[in-house]
Amino acid sequence: MSGGWNTIESDAVCCGTEGSAPGVFTSLVNSLGVKDIQFEELIALDADHLRQQSPVYGVIFLFKYNAGEKPRDTPQDGNFDYEAAENVFFATQTIQNACGTQALLSVLLNKEGQVEIGPQLKAFKEFTGAFPHDLRGEALSNSELIRDAHNSFARSSPFVSEDPRQVTEEEEEEVYHFIAYTPIDGTLYELDGLQPAPIAHGPCLFDDFPNKVIPVLQRRIERHPGHEIRFNLLAMVRDLRIRAQEIGDQDFLYGEQQKRTAWQWENALRRYNFVSFIGDVMKATIGSKLTDGDGAYEKWIEDAKAKTKEKMTERRKKGGGGEVNV
C-alpha cells in the first residue's frame, strides 16, 4: 500500500467496476469500531421499500459527476446552510479517490447518540469539532486511522503504479461521486464535500426520512440525461440480524448470516494477490514436466492442443460456434 489513499472497490464502482459495496462499507465501519450498523443496496427508489429497512440513518447516493460543472451561488435543489456547516459534521473533500468513505462518515459522525460510533471515531469528531469544514477535510485526509481502514480494502494488484499519470479524456468524462443524505436536528441535509456547505432540503424528522428523501433523489436523477442509468443507492441501517433475532425469524437470520459470510469471503479475496499464486502453480507444473524426461514437456503441450481442438469440434457439432487459437 502507498502512503496515500488507495481506490477500494466501493469507490471503484465510480469507475465502472461492479463490486459488493454494501459488504465493503459494512466491513469498513466495523473496522473503525462502529457497532450494529450495516449497508443495504436499494433496488427500488421507493419510500415503502426504504422504510422496510428501518431504522434508516441515511443513504449514500452514487451518480455520474459532471466534472465541467461550474460552481454555483445556489444549489439546483435545496439551499446552502452555511451555519450548519459549523454545527453538524461536514468536511470539504480533499481526497480524490475516497468519496465513498467520506460519504459514509458524513452520516455516521452526525448520528452519535443513535449509533455507537466507537471511541476512535468519537475522538476524531471531538478533535475536529471546532474546525471549519475545510480544516475538517484536511484532518480527515491526514487521519491514519481512517486512511489505514480505507486502504485495507484496496484490491491487491502488482500492476498498479504509484507514480502519477496523465488522466485521459475518456476518464475525465467517466467521473462518479458519492454523496450522503441524512436527517439532522429536524432537517434533511445533503452532505457533499465538493460543495461549500450542507444543502438543506426542508424539515424532516427521523421517522419521516424515507418519505422525504425519495422525492429529493428523484429530482436529482432527473437532472441527468434520460439515457443515464448508472446510479447506486445504499442505505445505512441497523444490523438486520438484530431485527431478525427480535422478531424470531430464523430464516431471515440465517439469510443475513450467510450474507455476512459471503462478504467476508469476498473481502478476503479482494486483499489477496493471485498473480504470484498463479505464477507459482505454472512454475511447479512446468518444472514437473521438465523432470519427466526429454520431450515430456513438448508432448504435454501438444496433447493439450489436441484436446482443445477436439472440444471445439464437438462444440461446433452441437451447434456452438467460435474459434480458438491453440
C-alpha atoms as a PDB file:
ATOM      1  CA  MET A   1       0.000   0.000   0.000  1.00  0.00           C
ATOM      2  CA  SER A   2       1.147   3.521  -0.656  1.00  0.00           C
ATOM      3  CA  GLY A   3       1.205   6.293   1.920  1.00  0.00           C
ATOM      4  CA  GLY A   4      -1.840   7.885   0.303  1.00  0.00           C
ATOM      5  CA  TRP A   5      -5.449   6.836  -0.201  1.00  0.00           C
ATOM      6  CA  ASN A   6      -5.962   3.834  -2.475  1.00  0.00           C
ATOM      7  CA  THR A   7      -9.064   3.089  -4.517  1.00  0.00           C
ATOM      8  CA  ILE A   8     -11.202   0.472  -2.805  1.00  0.00           C
ATOM      9  CA  GLU A   9     -13.851  -1.471  -4.652  1.00  0.00           C
ATOM     10  CA  SER A  10     -16.728   0.617  -3.325  1.00  0.00           C
ATOM     11  CA  ASP A  11     -15.052   3.646  -4.883  1.00  0.00           C
ATOM     12  CA  ALA A  12     -14.085   1.595  -7.940  1.00  0.00           C
ATOM     13  CA  VAL A  13     -17.810   1.449  -8.687  1.00  0.00           C
ATOM     14  CA  CYS A  14     -17.235   5.061  -9.707  1.00  0.00           C
ATOM     15  CA  CYS A  15     -15.017   3.766 -12.458  1.00  0.00           C
ATOM     16  CA  GLY A  16     -17.496   1.230 -13.733  1.00  0.00           C
ATOM     17  CA  THR A  17     -16.283  -1.780 -11.708  1.00  0.00           C
ATOM     18  CA  GLU A  18     -19.165  -3.787 -10.327  1.00  0.00           C
ATOM     19  CA  GLY A  19     -18.444  -4.779  -6.746  1.00  0.00           C
ATOM     20  CA  SER A  20     -20.083  -5.525  -3.399  1.00  0.00           C
ATOM     21  CA  ALA A  21     -20.165  -2.018  -1.951  1.00  0.00           C
ATOM     22  CA  PRO A  22     -22.544  -2.975   0.926  1.00  0.00           C
ATOM     23  CA  GLY A  23     -20.088  -5.616   2.150  1.00  0.00           C
ATOM     24  CA  VAL A  24     -17.098  -3.291   1.790  1.00  0.00           C
ATOM     25  CA  PHE A  25     -18.796  -0.387   3.559  1.00  0.00           C
ATOM     26  CA  THR A  26     -20.167  -2.594   6.364  1.00  0.00           C
ATOM     27  CA  SER A  27     -16.775  -4.179   6.996  1.00  0.00           C
ATOM     28  CA  LEU A  28     -15.079  -0.770   6.779  1.00  0.00           C
ATOM     29  CA  VAL A  29     -17.207   0.812   9.515  1.00  0.00           C
ATOM     30  CA  ASN A  30     -16.816  -2.320  11.655  1.00  0.00           C
ATOM     31  CA  SER A  31     -13.029  -1.976  11.375  1.00  0.00           C
ATOM     32  CA  LEU A  32     -13.372   1.611  12.644  1.00  0.00           C
ATOM     33  CA  GLY A  33     -15.134   0.399  15.792  1.00  0.00           C
ATOM     34  CA  VAL A  34     -18.730   1.122  14.752  1.00  0.00           C
ATOM     35  CA  LYS A  35     -21.240  -1.387  16.138  1.00  0.00           C
ATOM     36  CA  ASP A  36     -24.586  -2.736  14.902  1.00  0.00           C
ATOM     37  CA  ILE A  37     -24.556  -0.980  11.512  1.00  0.00           C
ATOM     38  CA  GLN A  38     -24.740  -2.363   8.004  1.00  0.00           C
ATOM     39  CA  PHE A  39     -25.314  -1.073   4.484  1.00  0.00           C
ATOM     40  CA  GLU A  40     -28.011  -2.336   2.164  1.00  0.00           C
ATOM     41  CA  GLU A  41     -28.208  -1.730  -1.567  1.00  0.00           C
ATOM     42  CA  LEU A  42     -31.640  -0.408  -2.548  1.00  0.00           C
ATOM     43  CA  ILE A  43     -33.100  -1.913  -5.705  1.00  0.00           C
ATOM     44  CA  ALA A  44     -36.086   0.436  -5.882  1.00  0.00           C
ATOM     45  CA  LEU A  45     -36.428   4.177  -5.471  1.00  0.00           C
ATOM     46  CA  ASP A  46     -39.482   3.775  -3.291  1.00  0.00           C
ATOM     47  CA  ALA A  47     -40.265   5.112   0.181  1.00  0.00           C
ATOM     48  CA  ASP A  48     -42.015   1.924   1.297  1.00  0.00           C
ATOM     49  CA  HIS A  49     -39.056  -0.178   0.200  1.00  0.00           C
ATOM     50  CA  LEU A  50     -36.674   2.095   2.114  1.00  0.00           C
ATOM     51  CA  ARG A  51     -38.925   2.084   5.190  1.00  0.00           C
ATOM     52  CA  GLN A  52     -38.708  -1.719   5.305  1.00  0.00           C
ATOM     53  CA  GLN A  53     -35.046  -1.303   6.260  1.00  0.00           C
ATOM     54  CA  SER A  54     -35.891   0.916   9.268  1.00  0.00           C
ATOM     55  CA  PRO A  55     -34.302   2.357  11.235  1.00  0.00           C
ATOM     56  CA  VAL A  56     -32.557   4.120   8.340  1.00  0.00           C
ATOM     57  CA  TYR A  57     -29.854   6.560   9.439  1.00  0.00           C
ATOM     58  CA  GLY A  58     -29.095   7.903   5.972  1.00  0.00           C
ATOM     59  CA  VAL A  59     -28.470   6.977   2.361  1.00  0.00           C
ATOM     60  CA  ILE A  60     -25.397   7.215   0.163  1.00  0.00           C
ATOM     61  CA  PHE A  61     -26.032   8.050  -3.468  1.00  0.00           C
ATOM     62  CA  LEU A  62     -23.663   7.320  -6.348  1.00  0.00           C
ATOM     63  CA  PHE A  63     -24.054   9.222  -9.621  1.00  0.00           C
ATOM     64  CA  LYS A  64     -22.087  10.346 -12.648  1.00  0.00           C
ATOM     65  CA  TYR A  65     -20.447  13.635 -11.827  1.00  0.00           C
ATOM     66  CA  ASN A  66     -20.155  16.428 -14.368  1.00  0.00           C
ATOM     67  CA  ALA A  67     -16.520  17.447 -13.913  1.00  0.00           C
ATOM     68  CA  GLY A  68     -17.093  20.515 -16.088  1.00  0.00           C
ATOM     69  CA  GLU A  69     -19.918  21.855 -13.932  1.00  0.00           C
ATOM     70  CA  LYS A  70     -19.142  25.349 -12.680  1.00  0.00           C
ATOM     71  CA  PRO A  71     -19.593  26.335  -9.002  1.00  0.00           C
ATOM     72  CA  ARG A  72     -22.962  27.921  -8.260  1.00  0.00           C
ATOM     73  CA  ASP A  73     -24.008  30.532  -5.715  1.00  0.00           C
ATOM     74  CA  THR A  74     -27.142  28.493  -5.047  1.00  0.00           C
ATOM     75  CA  PRO A  75     -27.662  24.736  -5.489  1.00  0.00           C
ATOM     76  CA  GLN A  76     -30.000  23.451  -8.188  1.00  0.00           C
ATOM     77  CA  ASP A  77     -32.190  21.943  -5.469  1.00  0.00           C
ATOM     78  CA  GLY A  78     -32.412  22.978  -1.814  1.00  0.00           C
ATOM     79  CA  ASN A  79     -30.467  25.753  -0.099  1.00  0.00           C
ATOM     80  CA  PHE A  80     -26.936  26.109   1.192  1.00  0.00           C
ATOM     81  CA  ASP A  81     -26.965  26.163   5.004  1.00  0.00           C
ATOM     82  CA  TYR A  82     -23.668  27.834   5.891  1.00  0.00           C
ATOM     83  CA  GLU A  83     -24.448  27.930   9.612  1.00  0.00           C
ATOM     84  CA  ALA A  84     -24.990  24.173   9.613  1.00  0.00           C
ATOM     85  CA  ALA A  85     -21.507  23.696   8.180  1.00  0.00           C
ATOM     86  CA  GLU A  86     -20.161  24.606  11.618  1.00  0.00           C
ATOM     87  CA  ASN A  87     -22.836  22.871  13.719  1.00  0.00           C
ATOM     88  CA  VAL A  88     -23.029  19.467  12.022  1.00  0.00           C
ATOM     89  CA  PHE A  89     -20.153  17.289  10.886  1.00  0.00           C
ATOM     90  CA  PHE A  90     -19.419  18.493   7.367  1.00  0.00           C
ATOM     91  CA  ALA A  91     -15.989  18.277   5.746  1.00  0.00           C
ATOM     92  CA  THR A  92     -14.597  19.576   2.488  1.00  0.00           C
ATOM     93  CA  GLN A  93     -13.479  16.688   0.287  1.00  0.00           C
ATOM     94  CA  THR A  94      -9.734  16.812  -0.256  1.00  0.00           C
ATOM     95  CA  ILE A  95      -9.243  13.104  -1.104  1.00  0.00           C
ATOM     96  CA  GLN A  96      -9.842  12.342  -4.761  1.00  0.00           C
ATOM     97  CA  ASN A  97     -10.451   8.585  -4.550  1.00  0.00           C
ATOM     98  CA  ALA A  98     -12.218   8.175  -1.208  1.00  0.00           C
ATOM     99  CA  CYS A  99     -15.574   9.867  -1.786  1.00  0.00           C
ATOM    100  CA  GLY A 100     -17.436   6.731  -0.640  1.00  0.00           C
ATOM    101  CA  THR A 101     -15.608   6.612   2.681  1.00  0.00           C
ATOM    102  CA  GLN A 102     -16.203  10.333   3.250  1.00  0.00           C
ATOM    103  CA  ALA A 103     -19.906   9.956   2.429  1.00  0.00           C
ATOM    104  CA  LEU A 104     -20.450   7.185   4.972  1.00  0.00           C
ATOM    105  CA  LEU A 105     -18.569   9.206   7.609  1.00  0.00           C
ATOM    106  CA  SER A 106     -20.835  12.163   6.827  1.00  0.00           C
ATOM    107  CA  VAL A 107     -23.761  10.068   8.019  1.00  0.00           C
ATOM    108  CA  LEU A 108     -22.048   8.238  10.881  1.00  0.00           C
ATOM    109  CA  LEU A 109     -20.479  11.264  12.559  1.00  0.00           C
ATOM    110  CA  ASN A 110     -23.862  13.015  12.628  1.00  0.00           C
ATOM    111  CA  LYS A 111     -25.540  10.048  14.336  1.00  0.00           C
ATOM    112  CA  GLU A 112     -23.645   9.904  17.604  1.00  0.00           C
ATOM    113  CA  GLY A 113     -26.275   9.135  20.232  1.00  0.00           C
ATOM    114  CA  GLN A 114     -28.232   6.995  17.794  1.00  0.00           C
ATOM    115  CA  VAL A 115     -25.289   4.881  16.636  1.00  0.00           C
ATOM    116  CA  GLU A 116     -22.358   3.566  18.658  1.00  0.00           C
ATOM    117  CA  ILE A 117     -19.534   5.007  16.547  1.00  0.00           C
ATOM    118  CA  GLY A 118     -16.766   3.725  18.821  1.00  0.00           C
ATOM    119  CA  PRO A 119     -14.092   5.556  20.827  1.00  0.00           C
ATOM    120  CA  GLN A 120     -11.724   6.248  17.906  1.00  0.00           C
ATOM    121  CA  LEU A 121     -14.254   7.982  15.664  1.00  0.00           C
ATOM    122  CA  LYS A 122     -15.694   9.760  18.686  1.00  0.00           C
ATOM    123  CA  ALA A 123     -12.234  11.119  19.496  1.00  0.00           C
ATOM    124  CA  PHE A 124     -11.773  12.222  15.870  1.00  0.00           C
ATOM    125  CA  LYS A 125     -15.124  14.013  15.891  1.00  0.00           C
ATOM    126  CA  GLU A 126     -14.310  15.777  19.179  1.00  0.00           C
ATOM    127  CA  PHE A 127     -10.861  16.779  17.901  1.00  0.00           C
ATOM    128  CA  THR A 128     -12.303  18.353  14.719  1.00  0.00           C
ATOM    129  CA  GLY A 129     -15.459  19.712  16.331  1.00  0.00           C
ATOM    130  CA  ALA A 130     -14.297  23.342  16.432  1.00  0.00           C
ATOM    131  CA  PHE A 131     -12.654  23.252  12.998  1.00  0.00           C
ATOM    132  CA  PRO A 132     -14.153  24.963   9.936  1.00  0.00           C
ATOM    133  CA  HIS A 133     -15.218  22.492   7.262  1.00  0.00           C
ATOM    134  CA  ASP A 134     -12.094  22.951   5.142  1.00  0.00           C
ATOM    135  CA  LEU A 135      -9.804  22.070   8.058  1.00  0.00           C
ATOM    136  CA  ARG A 136     -12.045  19.111   8.888  1.00  0.00           C
ATOM    137  CA  GLY A 137     -11.406  17.853   5.376  1.00  0.00           C
ATOM    138  CA  GLU A 138      -7.655  18.217   5.877  1.00  0.00           C
ATOM    139  CA  ALA A 139      -7.890  16.422   9.222  1.00  0.00           C
ATOM    140  CA  LEU A 140      -9.821  13.592   7.619  1.00  0.00           C
ATOM    141  CA  SER A 141      -7.307  13.228   4.797  1.00  0.00           C
ATOM    142  CA  ASN A 142      -4.461  13.090   7.359  1.00  0.00           C
ATOM    143  CA  SER A 143      -6.155  10.611   9.702  1.00  0.00           C
ATOM    144  CA  GLU A 144      -4.036   7.443   9.783  1.00  0.00           C
ATOM    145  CA  LEU A 145      -6.897   5.582  11.469  1.00  0.00           C
ATOM    146  CA  ILE A 146      -9.380   6.252   8.687  1.00  0.00           C
ATOM    147  CA  ARG A 147      -6.831   6.018   5.865  1.00  0.00           C
ATOM    148  CA  ASP A 148      -5.492   2.653   7.066  1.00  0.00           C
ATOM    149  CA  ALA A 149      -9.002   1.252   7.466  1.00  0.00           C
ATOM    150  CA  HIS A 150      -9.914   2.511   3.988  1.00  0.00           C
ATOM    151  CA  ASN A 151      -6.739   1.167   2.358  1.00  0.00           C
ATOM    152  CA  SER A 152      -7.160  -2.250   3.976  1.00  0.00           C
ATOM    153  CA  PHE A 153      -9.995  -2.886   1.485  1.00  0.00           C
ATOM    154  CA  ALA A 154      -7.993  -1.960  -1.612  1.00  0.00           C
ATOM    155  CA  ARG A 155      -7.706  -4.743  -4.170  1.00  0.00           C
ATOM    156  CA  SER A 156      -4.198  -6.154  -4.230  1.00  0.00           C
ATOM    157  CA  SER A 157      -2.525  -5.819  -7.627  1.00  0.00           C
ATOM    158  CA  PRO A 158       1.146  -5.900  -8.638  1.00  0.00           C
ATOM    159  CA  PHE A 159       0.328  -3.871 -11.746  1.00  0.00           C
ATOM    160  CA  VAL A 160      -0.864  -0.687 -10.007  1.00  0.00           C
ATOM    161  CA  SER A 161       1.768   2.025 -10.258  1.00  0.00           C
ATOM    162  CA  GLU A 162       2.043   4.592  -7.506  1.00  0.00           C
ATOM    163  CA  ASP A 163       3.554   7.108  -9.932  1.00  0.00           C
ATOM    164  CA  PRO A 164       1.304   9.977 -11.104  1.00  0.00           C
ATOM    165  CA  ARG A 165      -0.112   9.501 -14.571  1.00  0.00           C
ATOM    166  CA  GLN A 166      -1.914  11.629 -17.105  1.00  0.00           C
ATOM    167  CA  VAL A 167      -5.695  11.240 -16.954  1.00  0.00           C
ATOM    168  CA  THR A 168      -7.215  10.563 -20.367  1.00  0.00           C
ATOM    169  CA  GLU A 169     -10.181  12.487 -21.790  1.00  0.00           C
ATOM    170  CA  GLU A 170     -12.338   9.350 -21.537  1.00  0.00           C
ATOM    171  CA  GLU A 171     -11.516   9.003 -17.827  1.00  0.00           C
ATOM    172  CA  GLU A 172     -12.348  12.661 -17.246  1.00  0.00           C
ATOM    173  CA  GLU A 173     -15.762  12.069 -18.777  1.00  0.00           C
ATOM    174  CA  GLU A 174     -16.370   8.976 -16.594  1.00  0.00           C
ATOM    175  CA  VAL A 175     -16.194  10.543 -13.128  1.00  0.00           C
ATOM    176  CA  TYR A 176     -18.527   9.230 -10.423  1.00  0.00           C
ATOM    177  CA  HIS A 177     -19.210  10.615  -6.980  1.00  0.00           C
ATOM    178  CA  PHE A 178     -20.771   9.566  -3.657  1.00  0.00           C
ATOM    179  CA  ILE A 179     -22.825  11.953  -1.528  1.00  0.00           C
ATOM    180  CA  ALA A 180     -24.868  11.457   1.632  1.00  0.00           C
ATOM    181  CA  TYR A 181     -28.417  12.325   2.681  1.00  0.00           C
ATOM    182  CA  THR A 182     -29.416  12.204   6.334  1.00  0.00           C
ATOM    183  CA  PRO A 183     -31.833  13.909   8.760  1.00  0.00           C
ATOM    184  CA  ILE A 184     -30.109  16.118  11.360  1.00  0.00           C
ATOM    185  CA  ASP A 185     -31.916  18.154  14.026  1.00  0.00           C
ATOM    186  CA  GLY A 186     -35.201  18.070  12.110  1.00  0.00           C
ATOM    187  CA  THR A 187     -33.779  18.967   8.678  1.00  0.00           C
ATOM    188  CA  LEU A 188     -32.960  16.793   5.691  1.00  0.00           C
ATOM    189  CA  TYR A 189     -29.394  17.521   4.626  1.00  0.00           C
ATOM    190  CA  GLU A 190     -27.402  16.654   1.534  1.00  0.00           C
ATOM    191  CA  LEU A 191     -23.743  16.335   2.526  1.00  0.00           C
ATOM    192  CA  ASP A 192     -21.390  16.669  -0.418  1.00  0.00           C
ATOM    193  CA  GLY A 193     -17.775  17.548   0.314  1.00  0.00           C
ATOM    194  CA  LEU A 194     -17.415  19.177  -3.109  1.00  0.00           C
ATOM    195  CA  GLN A 195     -19.996  21.805  -2.151  1.00  0.00           C
ATOM    196  CA  PRO A 196     -19.281  24.862   0.037  1.00  0.00           C
ATOM    197  CA  ALA A 197     -21.860  23.910   2.686  1.00  0.00           C
ATOM    198  CA  PRO A 198     -24.509  21.338   3.582  1.00  0.00           C
ATOM    199  CA  ILE A 199     -27.610  21.602   1.395  1.00  0.00           C
ATOM    200  CA  ALA A 200     -30.905  21.779   3.303  1.00  0.00           C
ATOM    201  CA  HIS A 201     -33.944  20.128   1.724  1.00  0.00           C
ATOM    202  CA  GLY A 202     -36.584  21.143   4.246  1.00  0.00           C
ATOM    203  CA  PRO A 203     -37.972  19.829   7.522  1.00  0.00           C
ATOM    204  CA  CYS A 204     -37.501  16.117   8.161  1.00  0.00           C
ATOM    205  CA  LEU A 205     -37.982  14.099  11.323  1.00  0.00           C
ATOM    206  CA  PHE A 206     -36.067  10.831  11.661  1.00  0.00           C
ATOM    207  CA  ASP A 207     -39.140   8.651  11.067  1.00  0.00           C
ATOM    208  CA  ASP A 208     -40.147  10.733   8.021  1.00  0.00           C
ATOM    209  CA  PHE A 209     -36.784  10.297   6.293  1.00  0.00           C
ATOM    210  CA  PRO A 210     -37.909   7.623   3.755  1.00  0.00           C
ATOM    211  CA  ASN A 211     -40.816   9.788   2.586  1.00  0.00           C
ATOM    212  CA  LYS A 212     -38.746  12.962   2.434  1.00  0.00           C
ATOM    213  CA  VAL A 213     -35.572  11.727   0.776  1.00  0.00           C
ATOM    214  CA  ILE A 214     -37.088   9.793  -2.141  1.00  0.00           C
ATOM    215  CA  PRO A 215     -38.534  12.898  -3.925  1.00  0.00           C
ATOM    216  CA  VAL A 216     -35.159  14.652  -3.480  1.00  0.00           C
ATOM    217  CA  LEU A 217     -33.354  11.689  -5.047  1.00  0.00           C
ATOM    218  CA  GLN A 218     -35.862  11.553  -7.898  1.00  0.00           C
ATOM    219  CA  ARG A 219     -35.266  15.212  -8.680  1.00  0.00           C
ATOM    220  CA  ARG A 220     -31.536  14.609  -8.535  1.00  0.00           C
ATOM    221  CA  ILE A 221     -31.780  11.774 -11.065  1.00  0.00           C
ATOM    222  CA  GLU A 222     -33.984  13.864 -13.348  1.00  0.00           C
ATOM    223  CA  ARG A 223     -31.113  16.338 -13.751  1.00  0.00           C
ATOM    224  CA  HIS A 224     -29.221  13.680 -15.723  1.00  0.00           C
ATOM    225  CA  PRO A 225     -29.896  12.713 -19.370  1.00  0.00           C
ATOM    226  CA  GLY A 226     -32.720  10.231 -19.848  1.00  0.00           C
ATOM    227  CA  HIS A 227     -30.346   7.518 -21.070  1.00  0.00           C
ATOM    228  CA  GLU A 228     -28.184   7.694 -17.924  1.00  0.00           C
ATOM    229  CA  ILE A 229     -28.927   4.686 -15.712  1.00  0.00           C
ATOM    230  CA  ARG A 230     -25.682   4.352 -13.759  1.00  0.00           C
ATOM    231  CA  PHE A 231     -26.831   5.173 -10.244  1.00  0.00           C
ATOM    232  CA  ASN A 232     -26.413   3.344  -6.969  1.00  0.00           C
ATOM    233  CA  LEU A 233     -28.160   3.856  -3.652  1.00  0.00           C
ATOM    234  CA  LEU A 234     -27.038   2.405  -0.322  1.00  0.00           C
ATOM    235  CA  ALA A 235     -28.939   2.712   2.953  1.00  0.00           C
ATOM    236  CA  MET A 236     -27.173   2.839   6.317  1.00  0.00           C
ATOM    237  CA  VAL A 237     -29.363   0.768   8.623  1.00  0.00           C
ATOM    238  CA  ARG A 238     -29.232  -1.083  11.905  1.00  0.00           C
ATOM    239  CA  ASP A 239     -27.720  -4.573  11.703  1.00  0.00           C
ATOM    240  CA  LEU A 240     -30.543  -6.633  10.222  1.00  0.00           C
ATOM    241  CA  ARG A 241     -29.506  -9.652  12.291  1.00  0.00           C
ATOM    242  CA  ILE A 242     -30.699  -7.782  15.381  1.00  0.00           C
ATOM    243  CA  ARG A 243     -34.168  -7.334  13.891  1.00  0.00           C
ATOM    244  CA  ALA A 244     -34.283 -10.995  12.877  1.00  0.00           C
ATOM    245  CA  GLN A 245     -33.477 -12.019  16.440  1.00  0.00           C
ATOM    246  CA  GLU A 246     -36.030  -9.591  17.902  1.00  0.00           C
ATOM    247  CA  ILE A 247     -38.881 -10.966  15.778  1.00  0.00           C
ATOM    248  CA  GLY A 248     -37.672 -14.574  15.985  1.00  0.00           C
ATOM    249  CA  ASP A 249     -37.395 -15.025  12.209  1.00  0.00           C
ATOM    250  CA  GLN A 250     -34.814 -17.796  11.896  1.00  0.00           C
ATOM    251  CA  ASP A 251     -34.934 -17.892   8.087  1.00  0.00           C
ATOM    252  CA  PHE A 252     -34.260 -14.160   7.915  1.00  0.00           C
ATOM    253  CA  LEU A 253     -31.449 -14.520  10.454  1.00  0.00           C
ATOM    254  CA  TYR A 254     -29.881 -17.389   8.513  1.00  0.00           C
ATOM    255  CA  GLY A 255     -30.012 -15.347   5.299  1.00  0.00           C
ATOM    256  CA  GLU A 256     -28.274 -12.389   6.955  1.00  0.00           C
ATOM    257  CA  GLN A 257     -25.611 -14.639   8.460  1.00  0.00           C
ATOM    258  CA  GLN A 258     -24.959 -16.167   5.037  1.00  0.00           C
ATOM    259  CA  LYS A 259     -24.677 -12.666   3.582  1.00  0.00           C
ATOM    260  CA  ARG A 260     -22.024 -11.757   6.145  1.00  0.00           C
ATOM    261  CA  THR A 261     -20.102 -14.948   5.371  1.00  0.00           C
ATOM    262  CA  ALA A 262     -20.143 -14.079   1.662  1.00  0.00           C
ATOM    263  CA  TRP A 263     -18.942 -10.540   2.419  1.00  0.00           C
ATOM    264  CA  GLN A 264     -16.041 -11.872   4.498  1.00  0.00           C
ATOM    265  CA  TRP A 265     -15.028 -14.222   1.695  1.00  0.00           C
ATOM    266  CA  GLU A 266     -15.206 -11.505  -0.966  1.00  0.00           C
ATOM    267  CA  ASN A 267     -13.196  -9.083   1.166  1.00  0.00           C
ATOM    268  CA  ALA A 268     -10.558 -11.740   1.806  1.00  0.00           C
ATOM    269  CA  LEU A 269     -10.256 -12.413  -1.941  1.00  0.00           C
ATOM    270  CA  ARG A 270     -10.004  -8.668  -2.605  1.00  0.00           C
ATOM    271  CA  ARG A 271      -6.897  -8.411  -0.433  1.00  0.00           C
ATOM    272  CA  TYR A 272      -5.088 -11.364  -1.993  1.00  0.00           C
ATOM    273  CA  ASN A 273      -2.739 -11.109  -4.957  1.00  0.00           C
ATOM    274  CA  PHE A 274      -3.472 -14.179  -7.094  1.00  0.00           C
ATOM    275  CA  VAL A 275      -0.851 -13.347  -9.716  1.00  0.00           C
ATOM    276  CA  SER A 276       2.006 -14.741  -7.637  1.00  0.00           C
ATOM    277  CA  PHE A 277      -0.078 -17.821  -6.784  1.00  0.00           C
ATOM    278  CA  ILE A 278      -0.811 -18.498 -10.476  1.00  0.00           C
ATOM    279  CA  GLY A 279       2.852 -17.982 -11.321  1.00  0.00           C
ATOM    280  CA  ASP A 280       3.942 -20.479  -8.669  1.00  0.00           C
ATOM    281  CA  VAL A 281       1.430 -23.071  -9.925  1.00  0.00           C
ATOM    282  CA  MET A 282       2.644 -22.638 -13.501  1.00  0.00           C
ATOM    283  CA  LYS A 283       6.311 -22.932 -12.479  1.00  0.00           C
ATOM    284  CA  ALA A 284       5.655 -26.059 -10.406  1.00  0.00           C
ATOM    285  CA  THR A 285       3.621 -27.684 -13.196  1.00  0.00           C
ATOM    286  CA  ILE A 286       6.173 -26.926 -15.912  1.00  0.00           C
ATOM    287  CA  GLY A 287       9.005 -27.982 -13.625  1.00  0.00           C
ATOM    288  CA  SER A 288       7.402 -31.368 -13.027  1.00  0.00           C
ATOM    289  CA  LYS A 289       7.029 -31.931 -16.764  1.00  0.00           C
ATOM    290  CA  LEU A 290      10.635 -30.975 -17.443  1.00  0.00           C
ATOM    291  CA  THR A 291      11.834 -33.574 -14.931  1.00  0.00           C
ATOM    292  CA  ASP A 292       9.805 -36.312 -16.669  1.00  0.00           C
ATOM    293  CA  GLY A 293      12.458 -36.628 -19.341  1.00  0.00           C
ATOM    294  CA  ASP A 294      13.212 -35.409 -22.852  1.00  0.00           C
ATOM    295  CA  GLY A 295      10.136 -34.486 -24.865  1.00  0.00           C
ATOM    296  CA  ALA A 296       7.682 -34.776 -21.921  1.00  0.00           C
ATOM    297  CA  TYR A 297       7.018 -31.046 -21.798  1.00  0.00           C
ATOM    298  CA  GLU A 298       6.548 -30.758 -25.578  1.00  0.00           C
ATOM    299  CA  LYS A 299       4.225 -33.801 -25.564  1.00  0.00           C
ATOM    300  CA  TRP A 300       2.162 -32.272 -22.752  1.00  0.00           C
ATOM    301  CA  ILE A 301       1.695 -29.083 -24.798  1.00  0.00           C
ATOM    302  CA  GLU A 302       0.731 -30.974 -27.973  1.00  0.00           C
ATOM    303  CA  ASP A 303      -1.732 -33.180 -26.055  1.00  0.00           C
ATOM    304  CA  ALA A 304      -3.360 -30.054 -24.594  1.00  0.00           C
ATOM    305  CA  LYS A 305      -3.712 -28.544 -28.070  1.00  0.00           C
ATOM    306  CA  ALA A 306      -5.261 -31.749 -29.402  1.00  0.00           C
ATOM    307  CA  LYS A 307      -7.792 -31.874 -26.541  1.00  0.00           C
ATOM    308  CA  THR A 308      -8.715 -28.232 -27.117  1.00  0.00           C
ATOM    309  CA  LYS A 309      -9.303 -28.854 -30.850  1.00  0.00           C
ATOM    310  CA  GLU A 310     -11.388 -31.900 -30.020  1.00  0.00           C
ATOM    311  CA  LYS A 311     -13.570 -29.955 -27.622  1.00  0.00           C
ATOM    312  CA  MET A 312     -14.088 -27.159 -30.121  1.00  0.00           C
ATOM    313  CA  THR A 313     -15.045 -29.685 -32.838  1.00  0.00           C
ATOM    314  CA  GLU A 314     -17.619 -31.262 -30.520  1.00  0.00           C
ATOM    315  CA  ARG A 315     -18.959 -27.831 -29.650  1.00  0.00           C
ATOM    316  CA  ARG A 316     -19.449 -26.908 -33.321  1.00  0.00           C
ATOM    317  CA  LYS A 317     -21.220 -30.244 -33.966  1.00  0.00           C
ATOM    318  CA  LYS A 318     -23.654 -29.435 -31.146  1.00  0.00           C
ATOM    319  CA  GLY A 319     -24.442 -26.075 -32.720  1.00  0.00           C
ATOM    320  CA  GLY A 320     -21.968 -23.894 -30.872  1.00  0.00           C
ATOM    321  CA  GLY A 321     -19.662 -21.531 -32.716  1.00  0.00           C
ATOM    322  CA  GLY A 322     -16.382 -19.887 -32.133  1.00  0.00           C
ATOM    323  CA  GLU A 323     -12.766 -20.490 -32.898  1.00  0.00           C
ATOM    324  CA  VAL A 324      -9.803 -20.869 -30.636  1.00  0.00           C
ATOM    325  CA  ASN A 325      -6.109 -20.305 -31.256  1.00  0.00           C
ATOM    326  CA  VAL A 326      -4.083 -23.210 -29.957  1.00  0.00           C
END
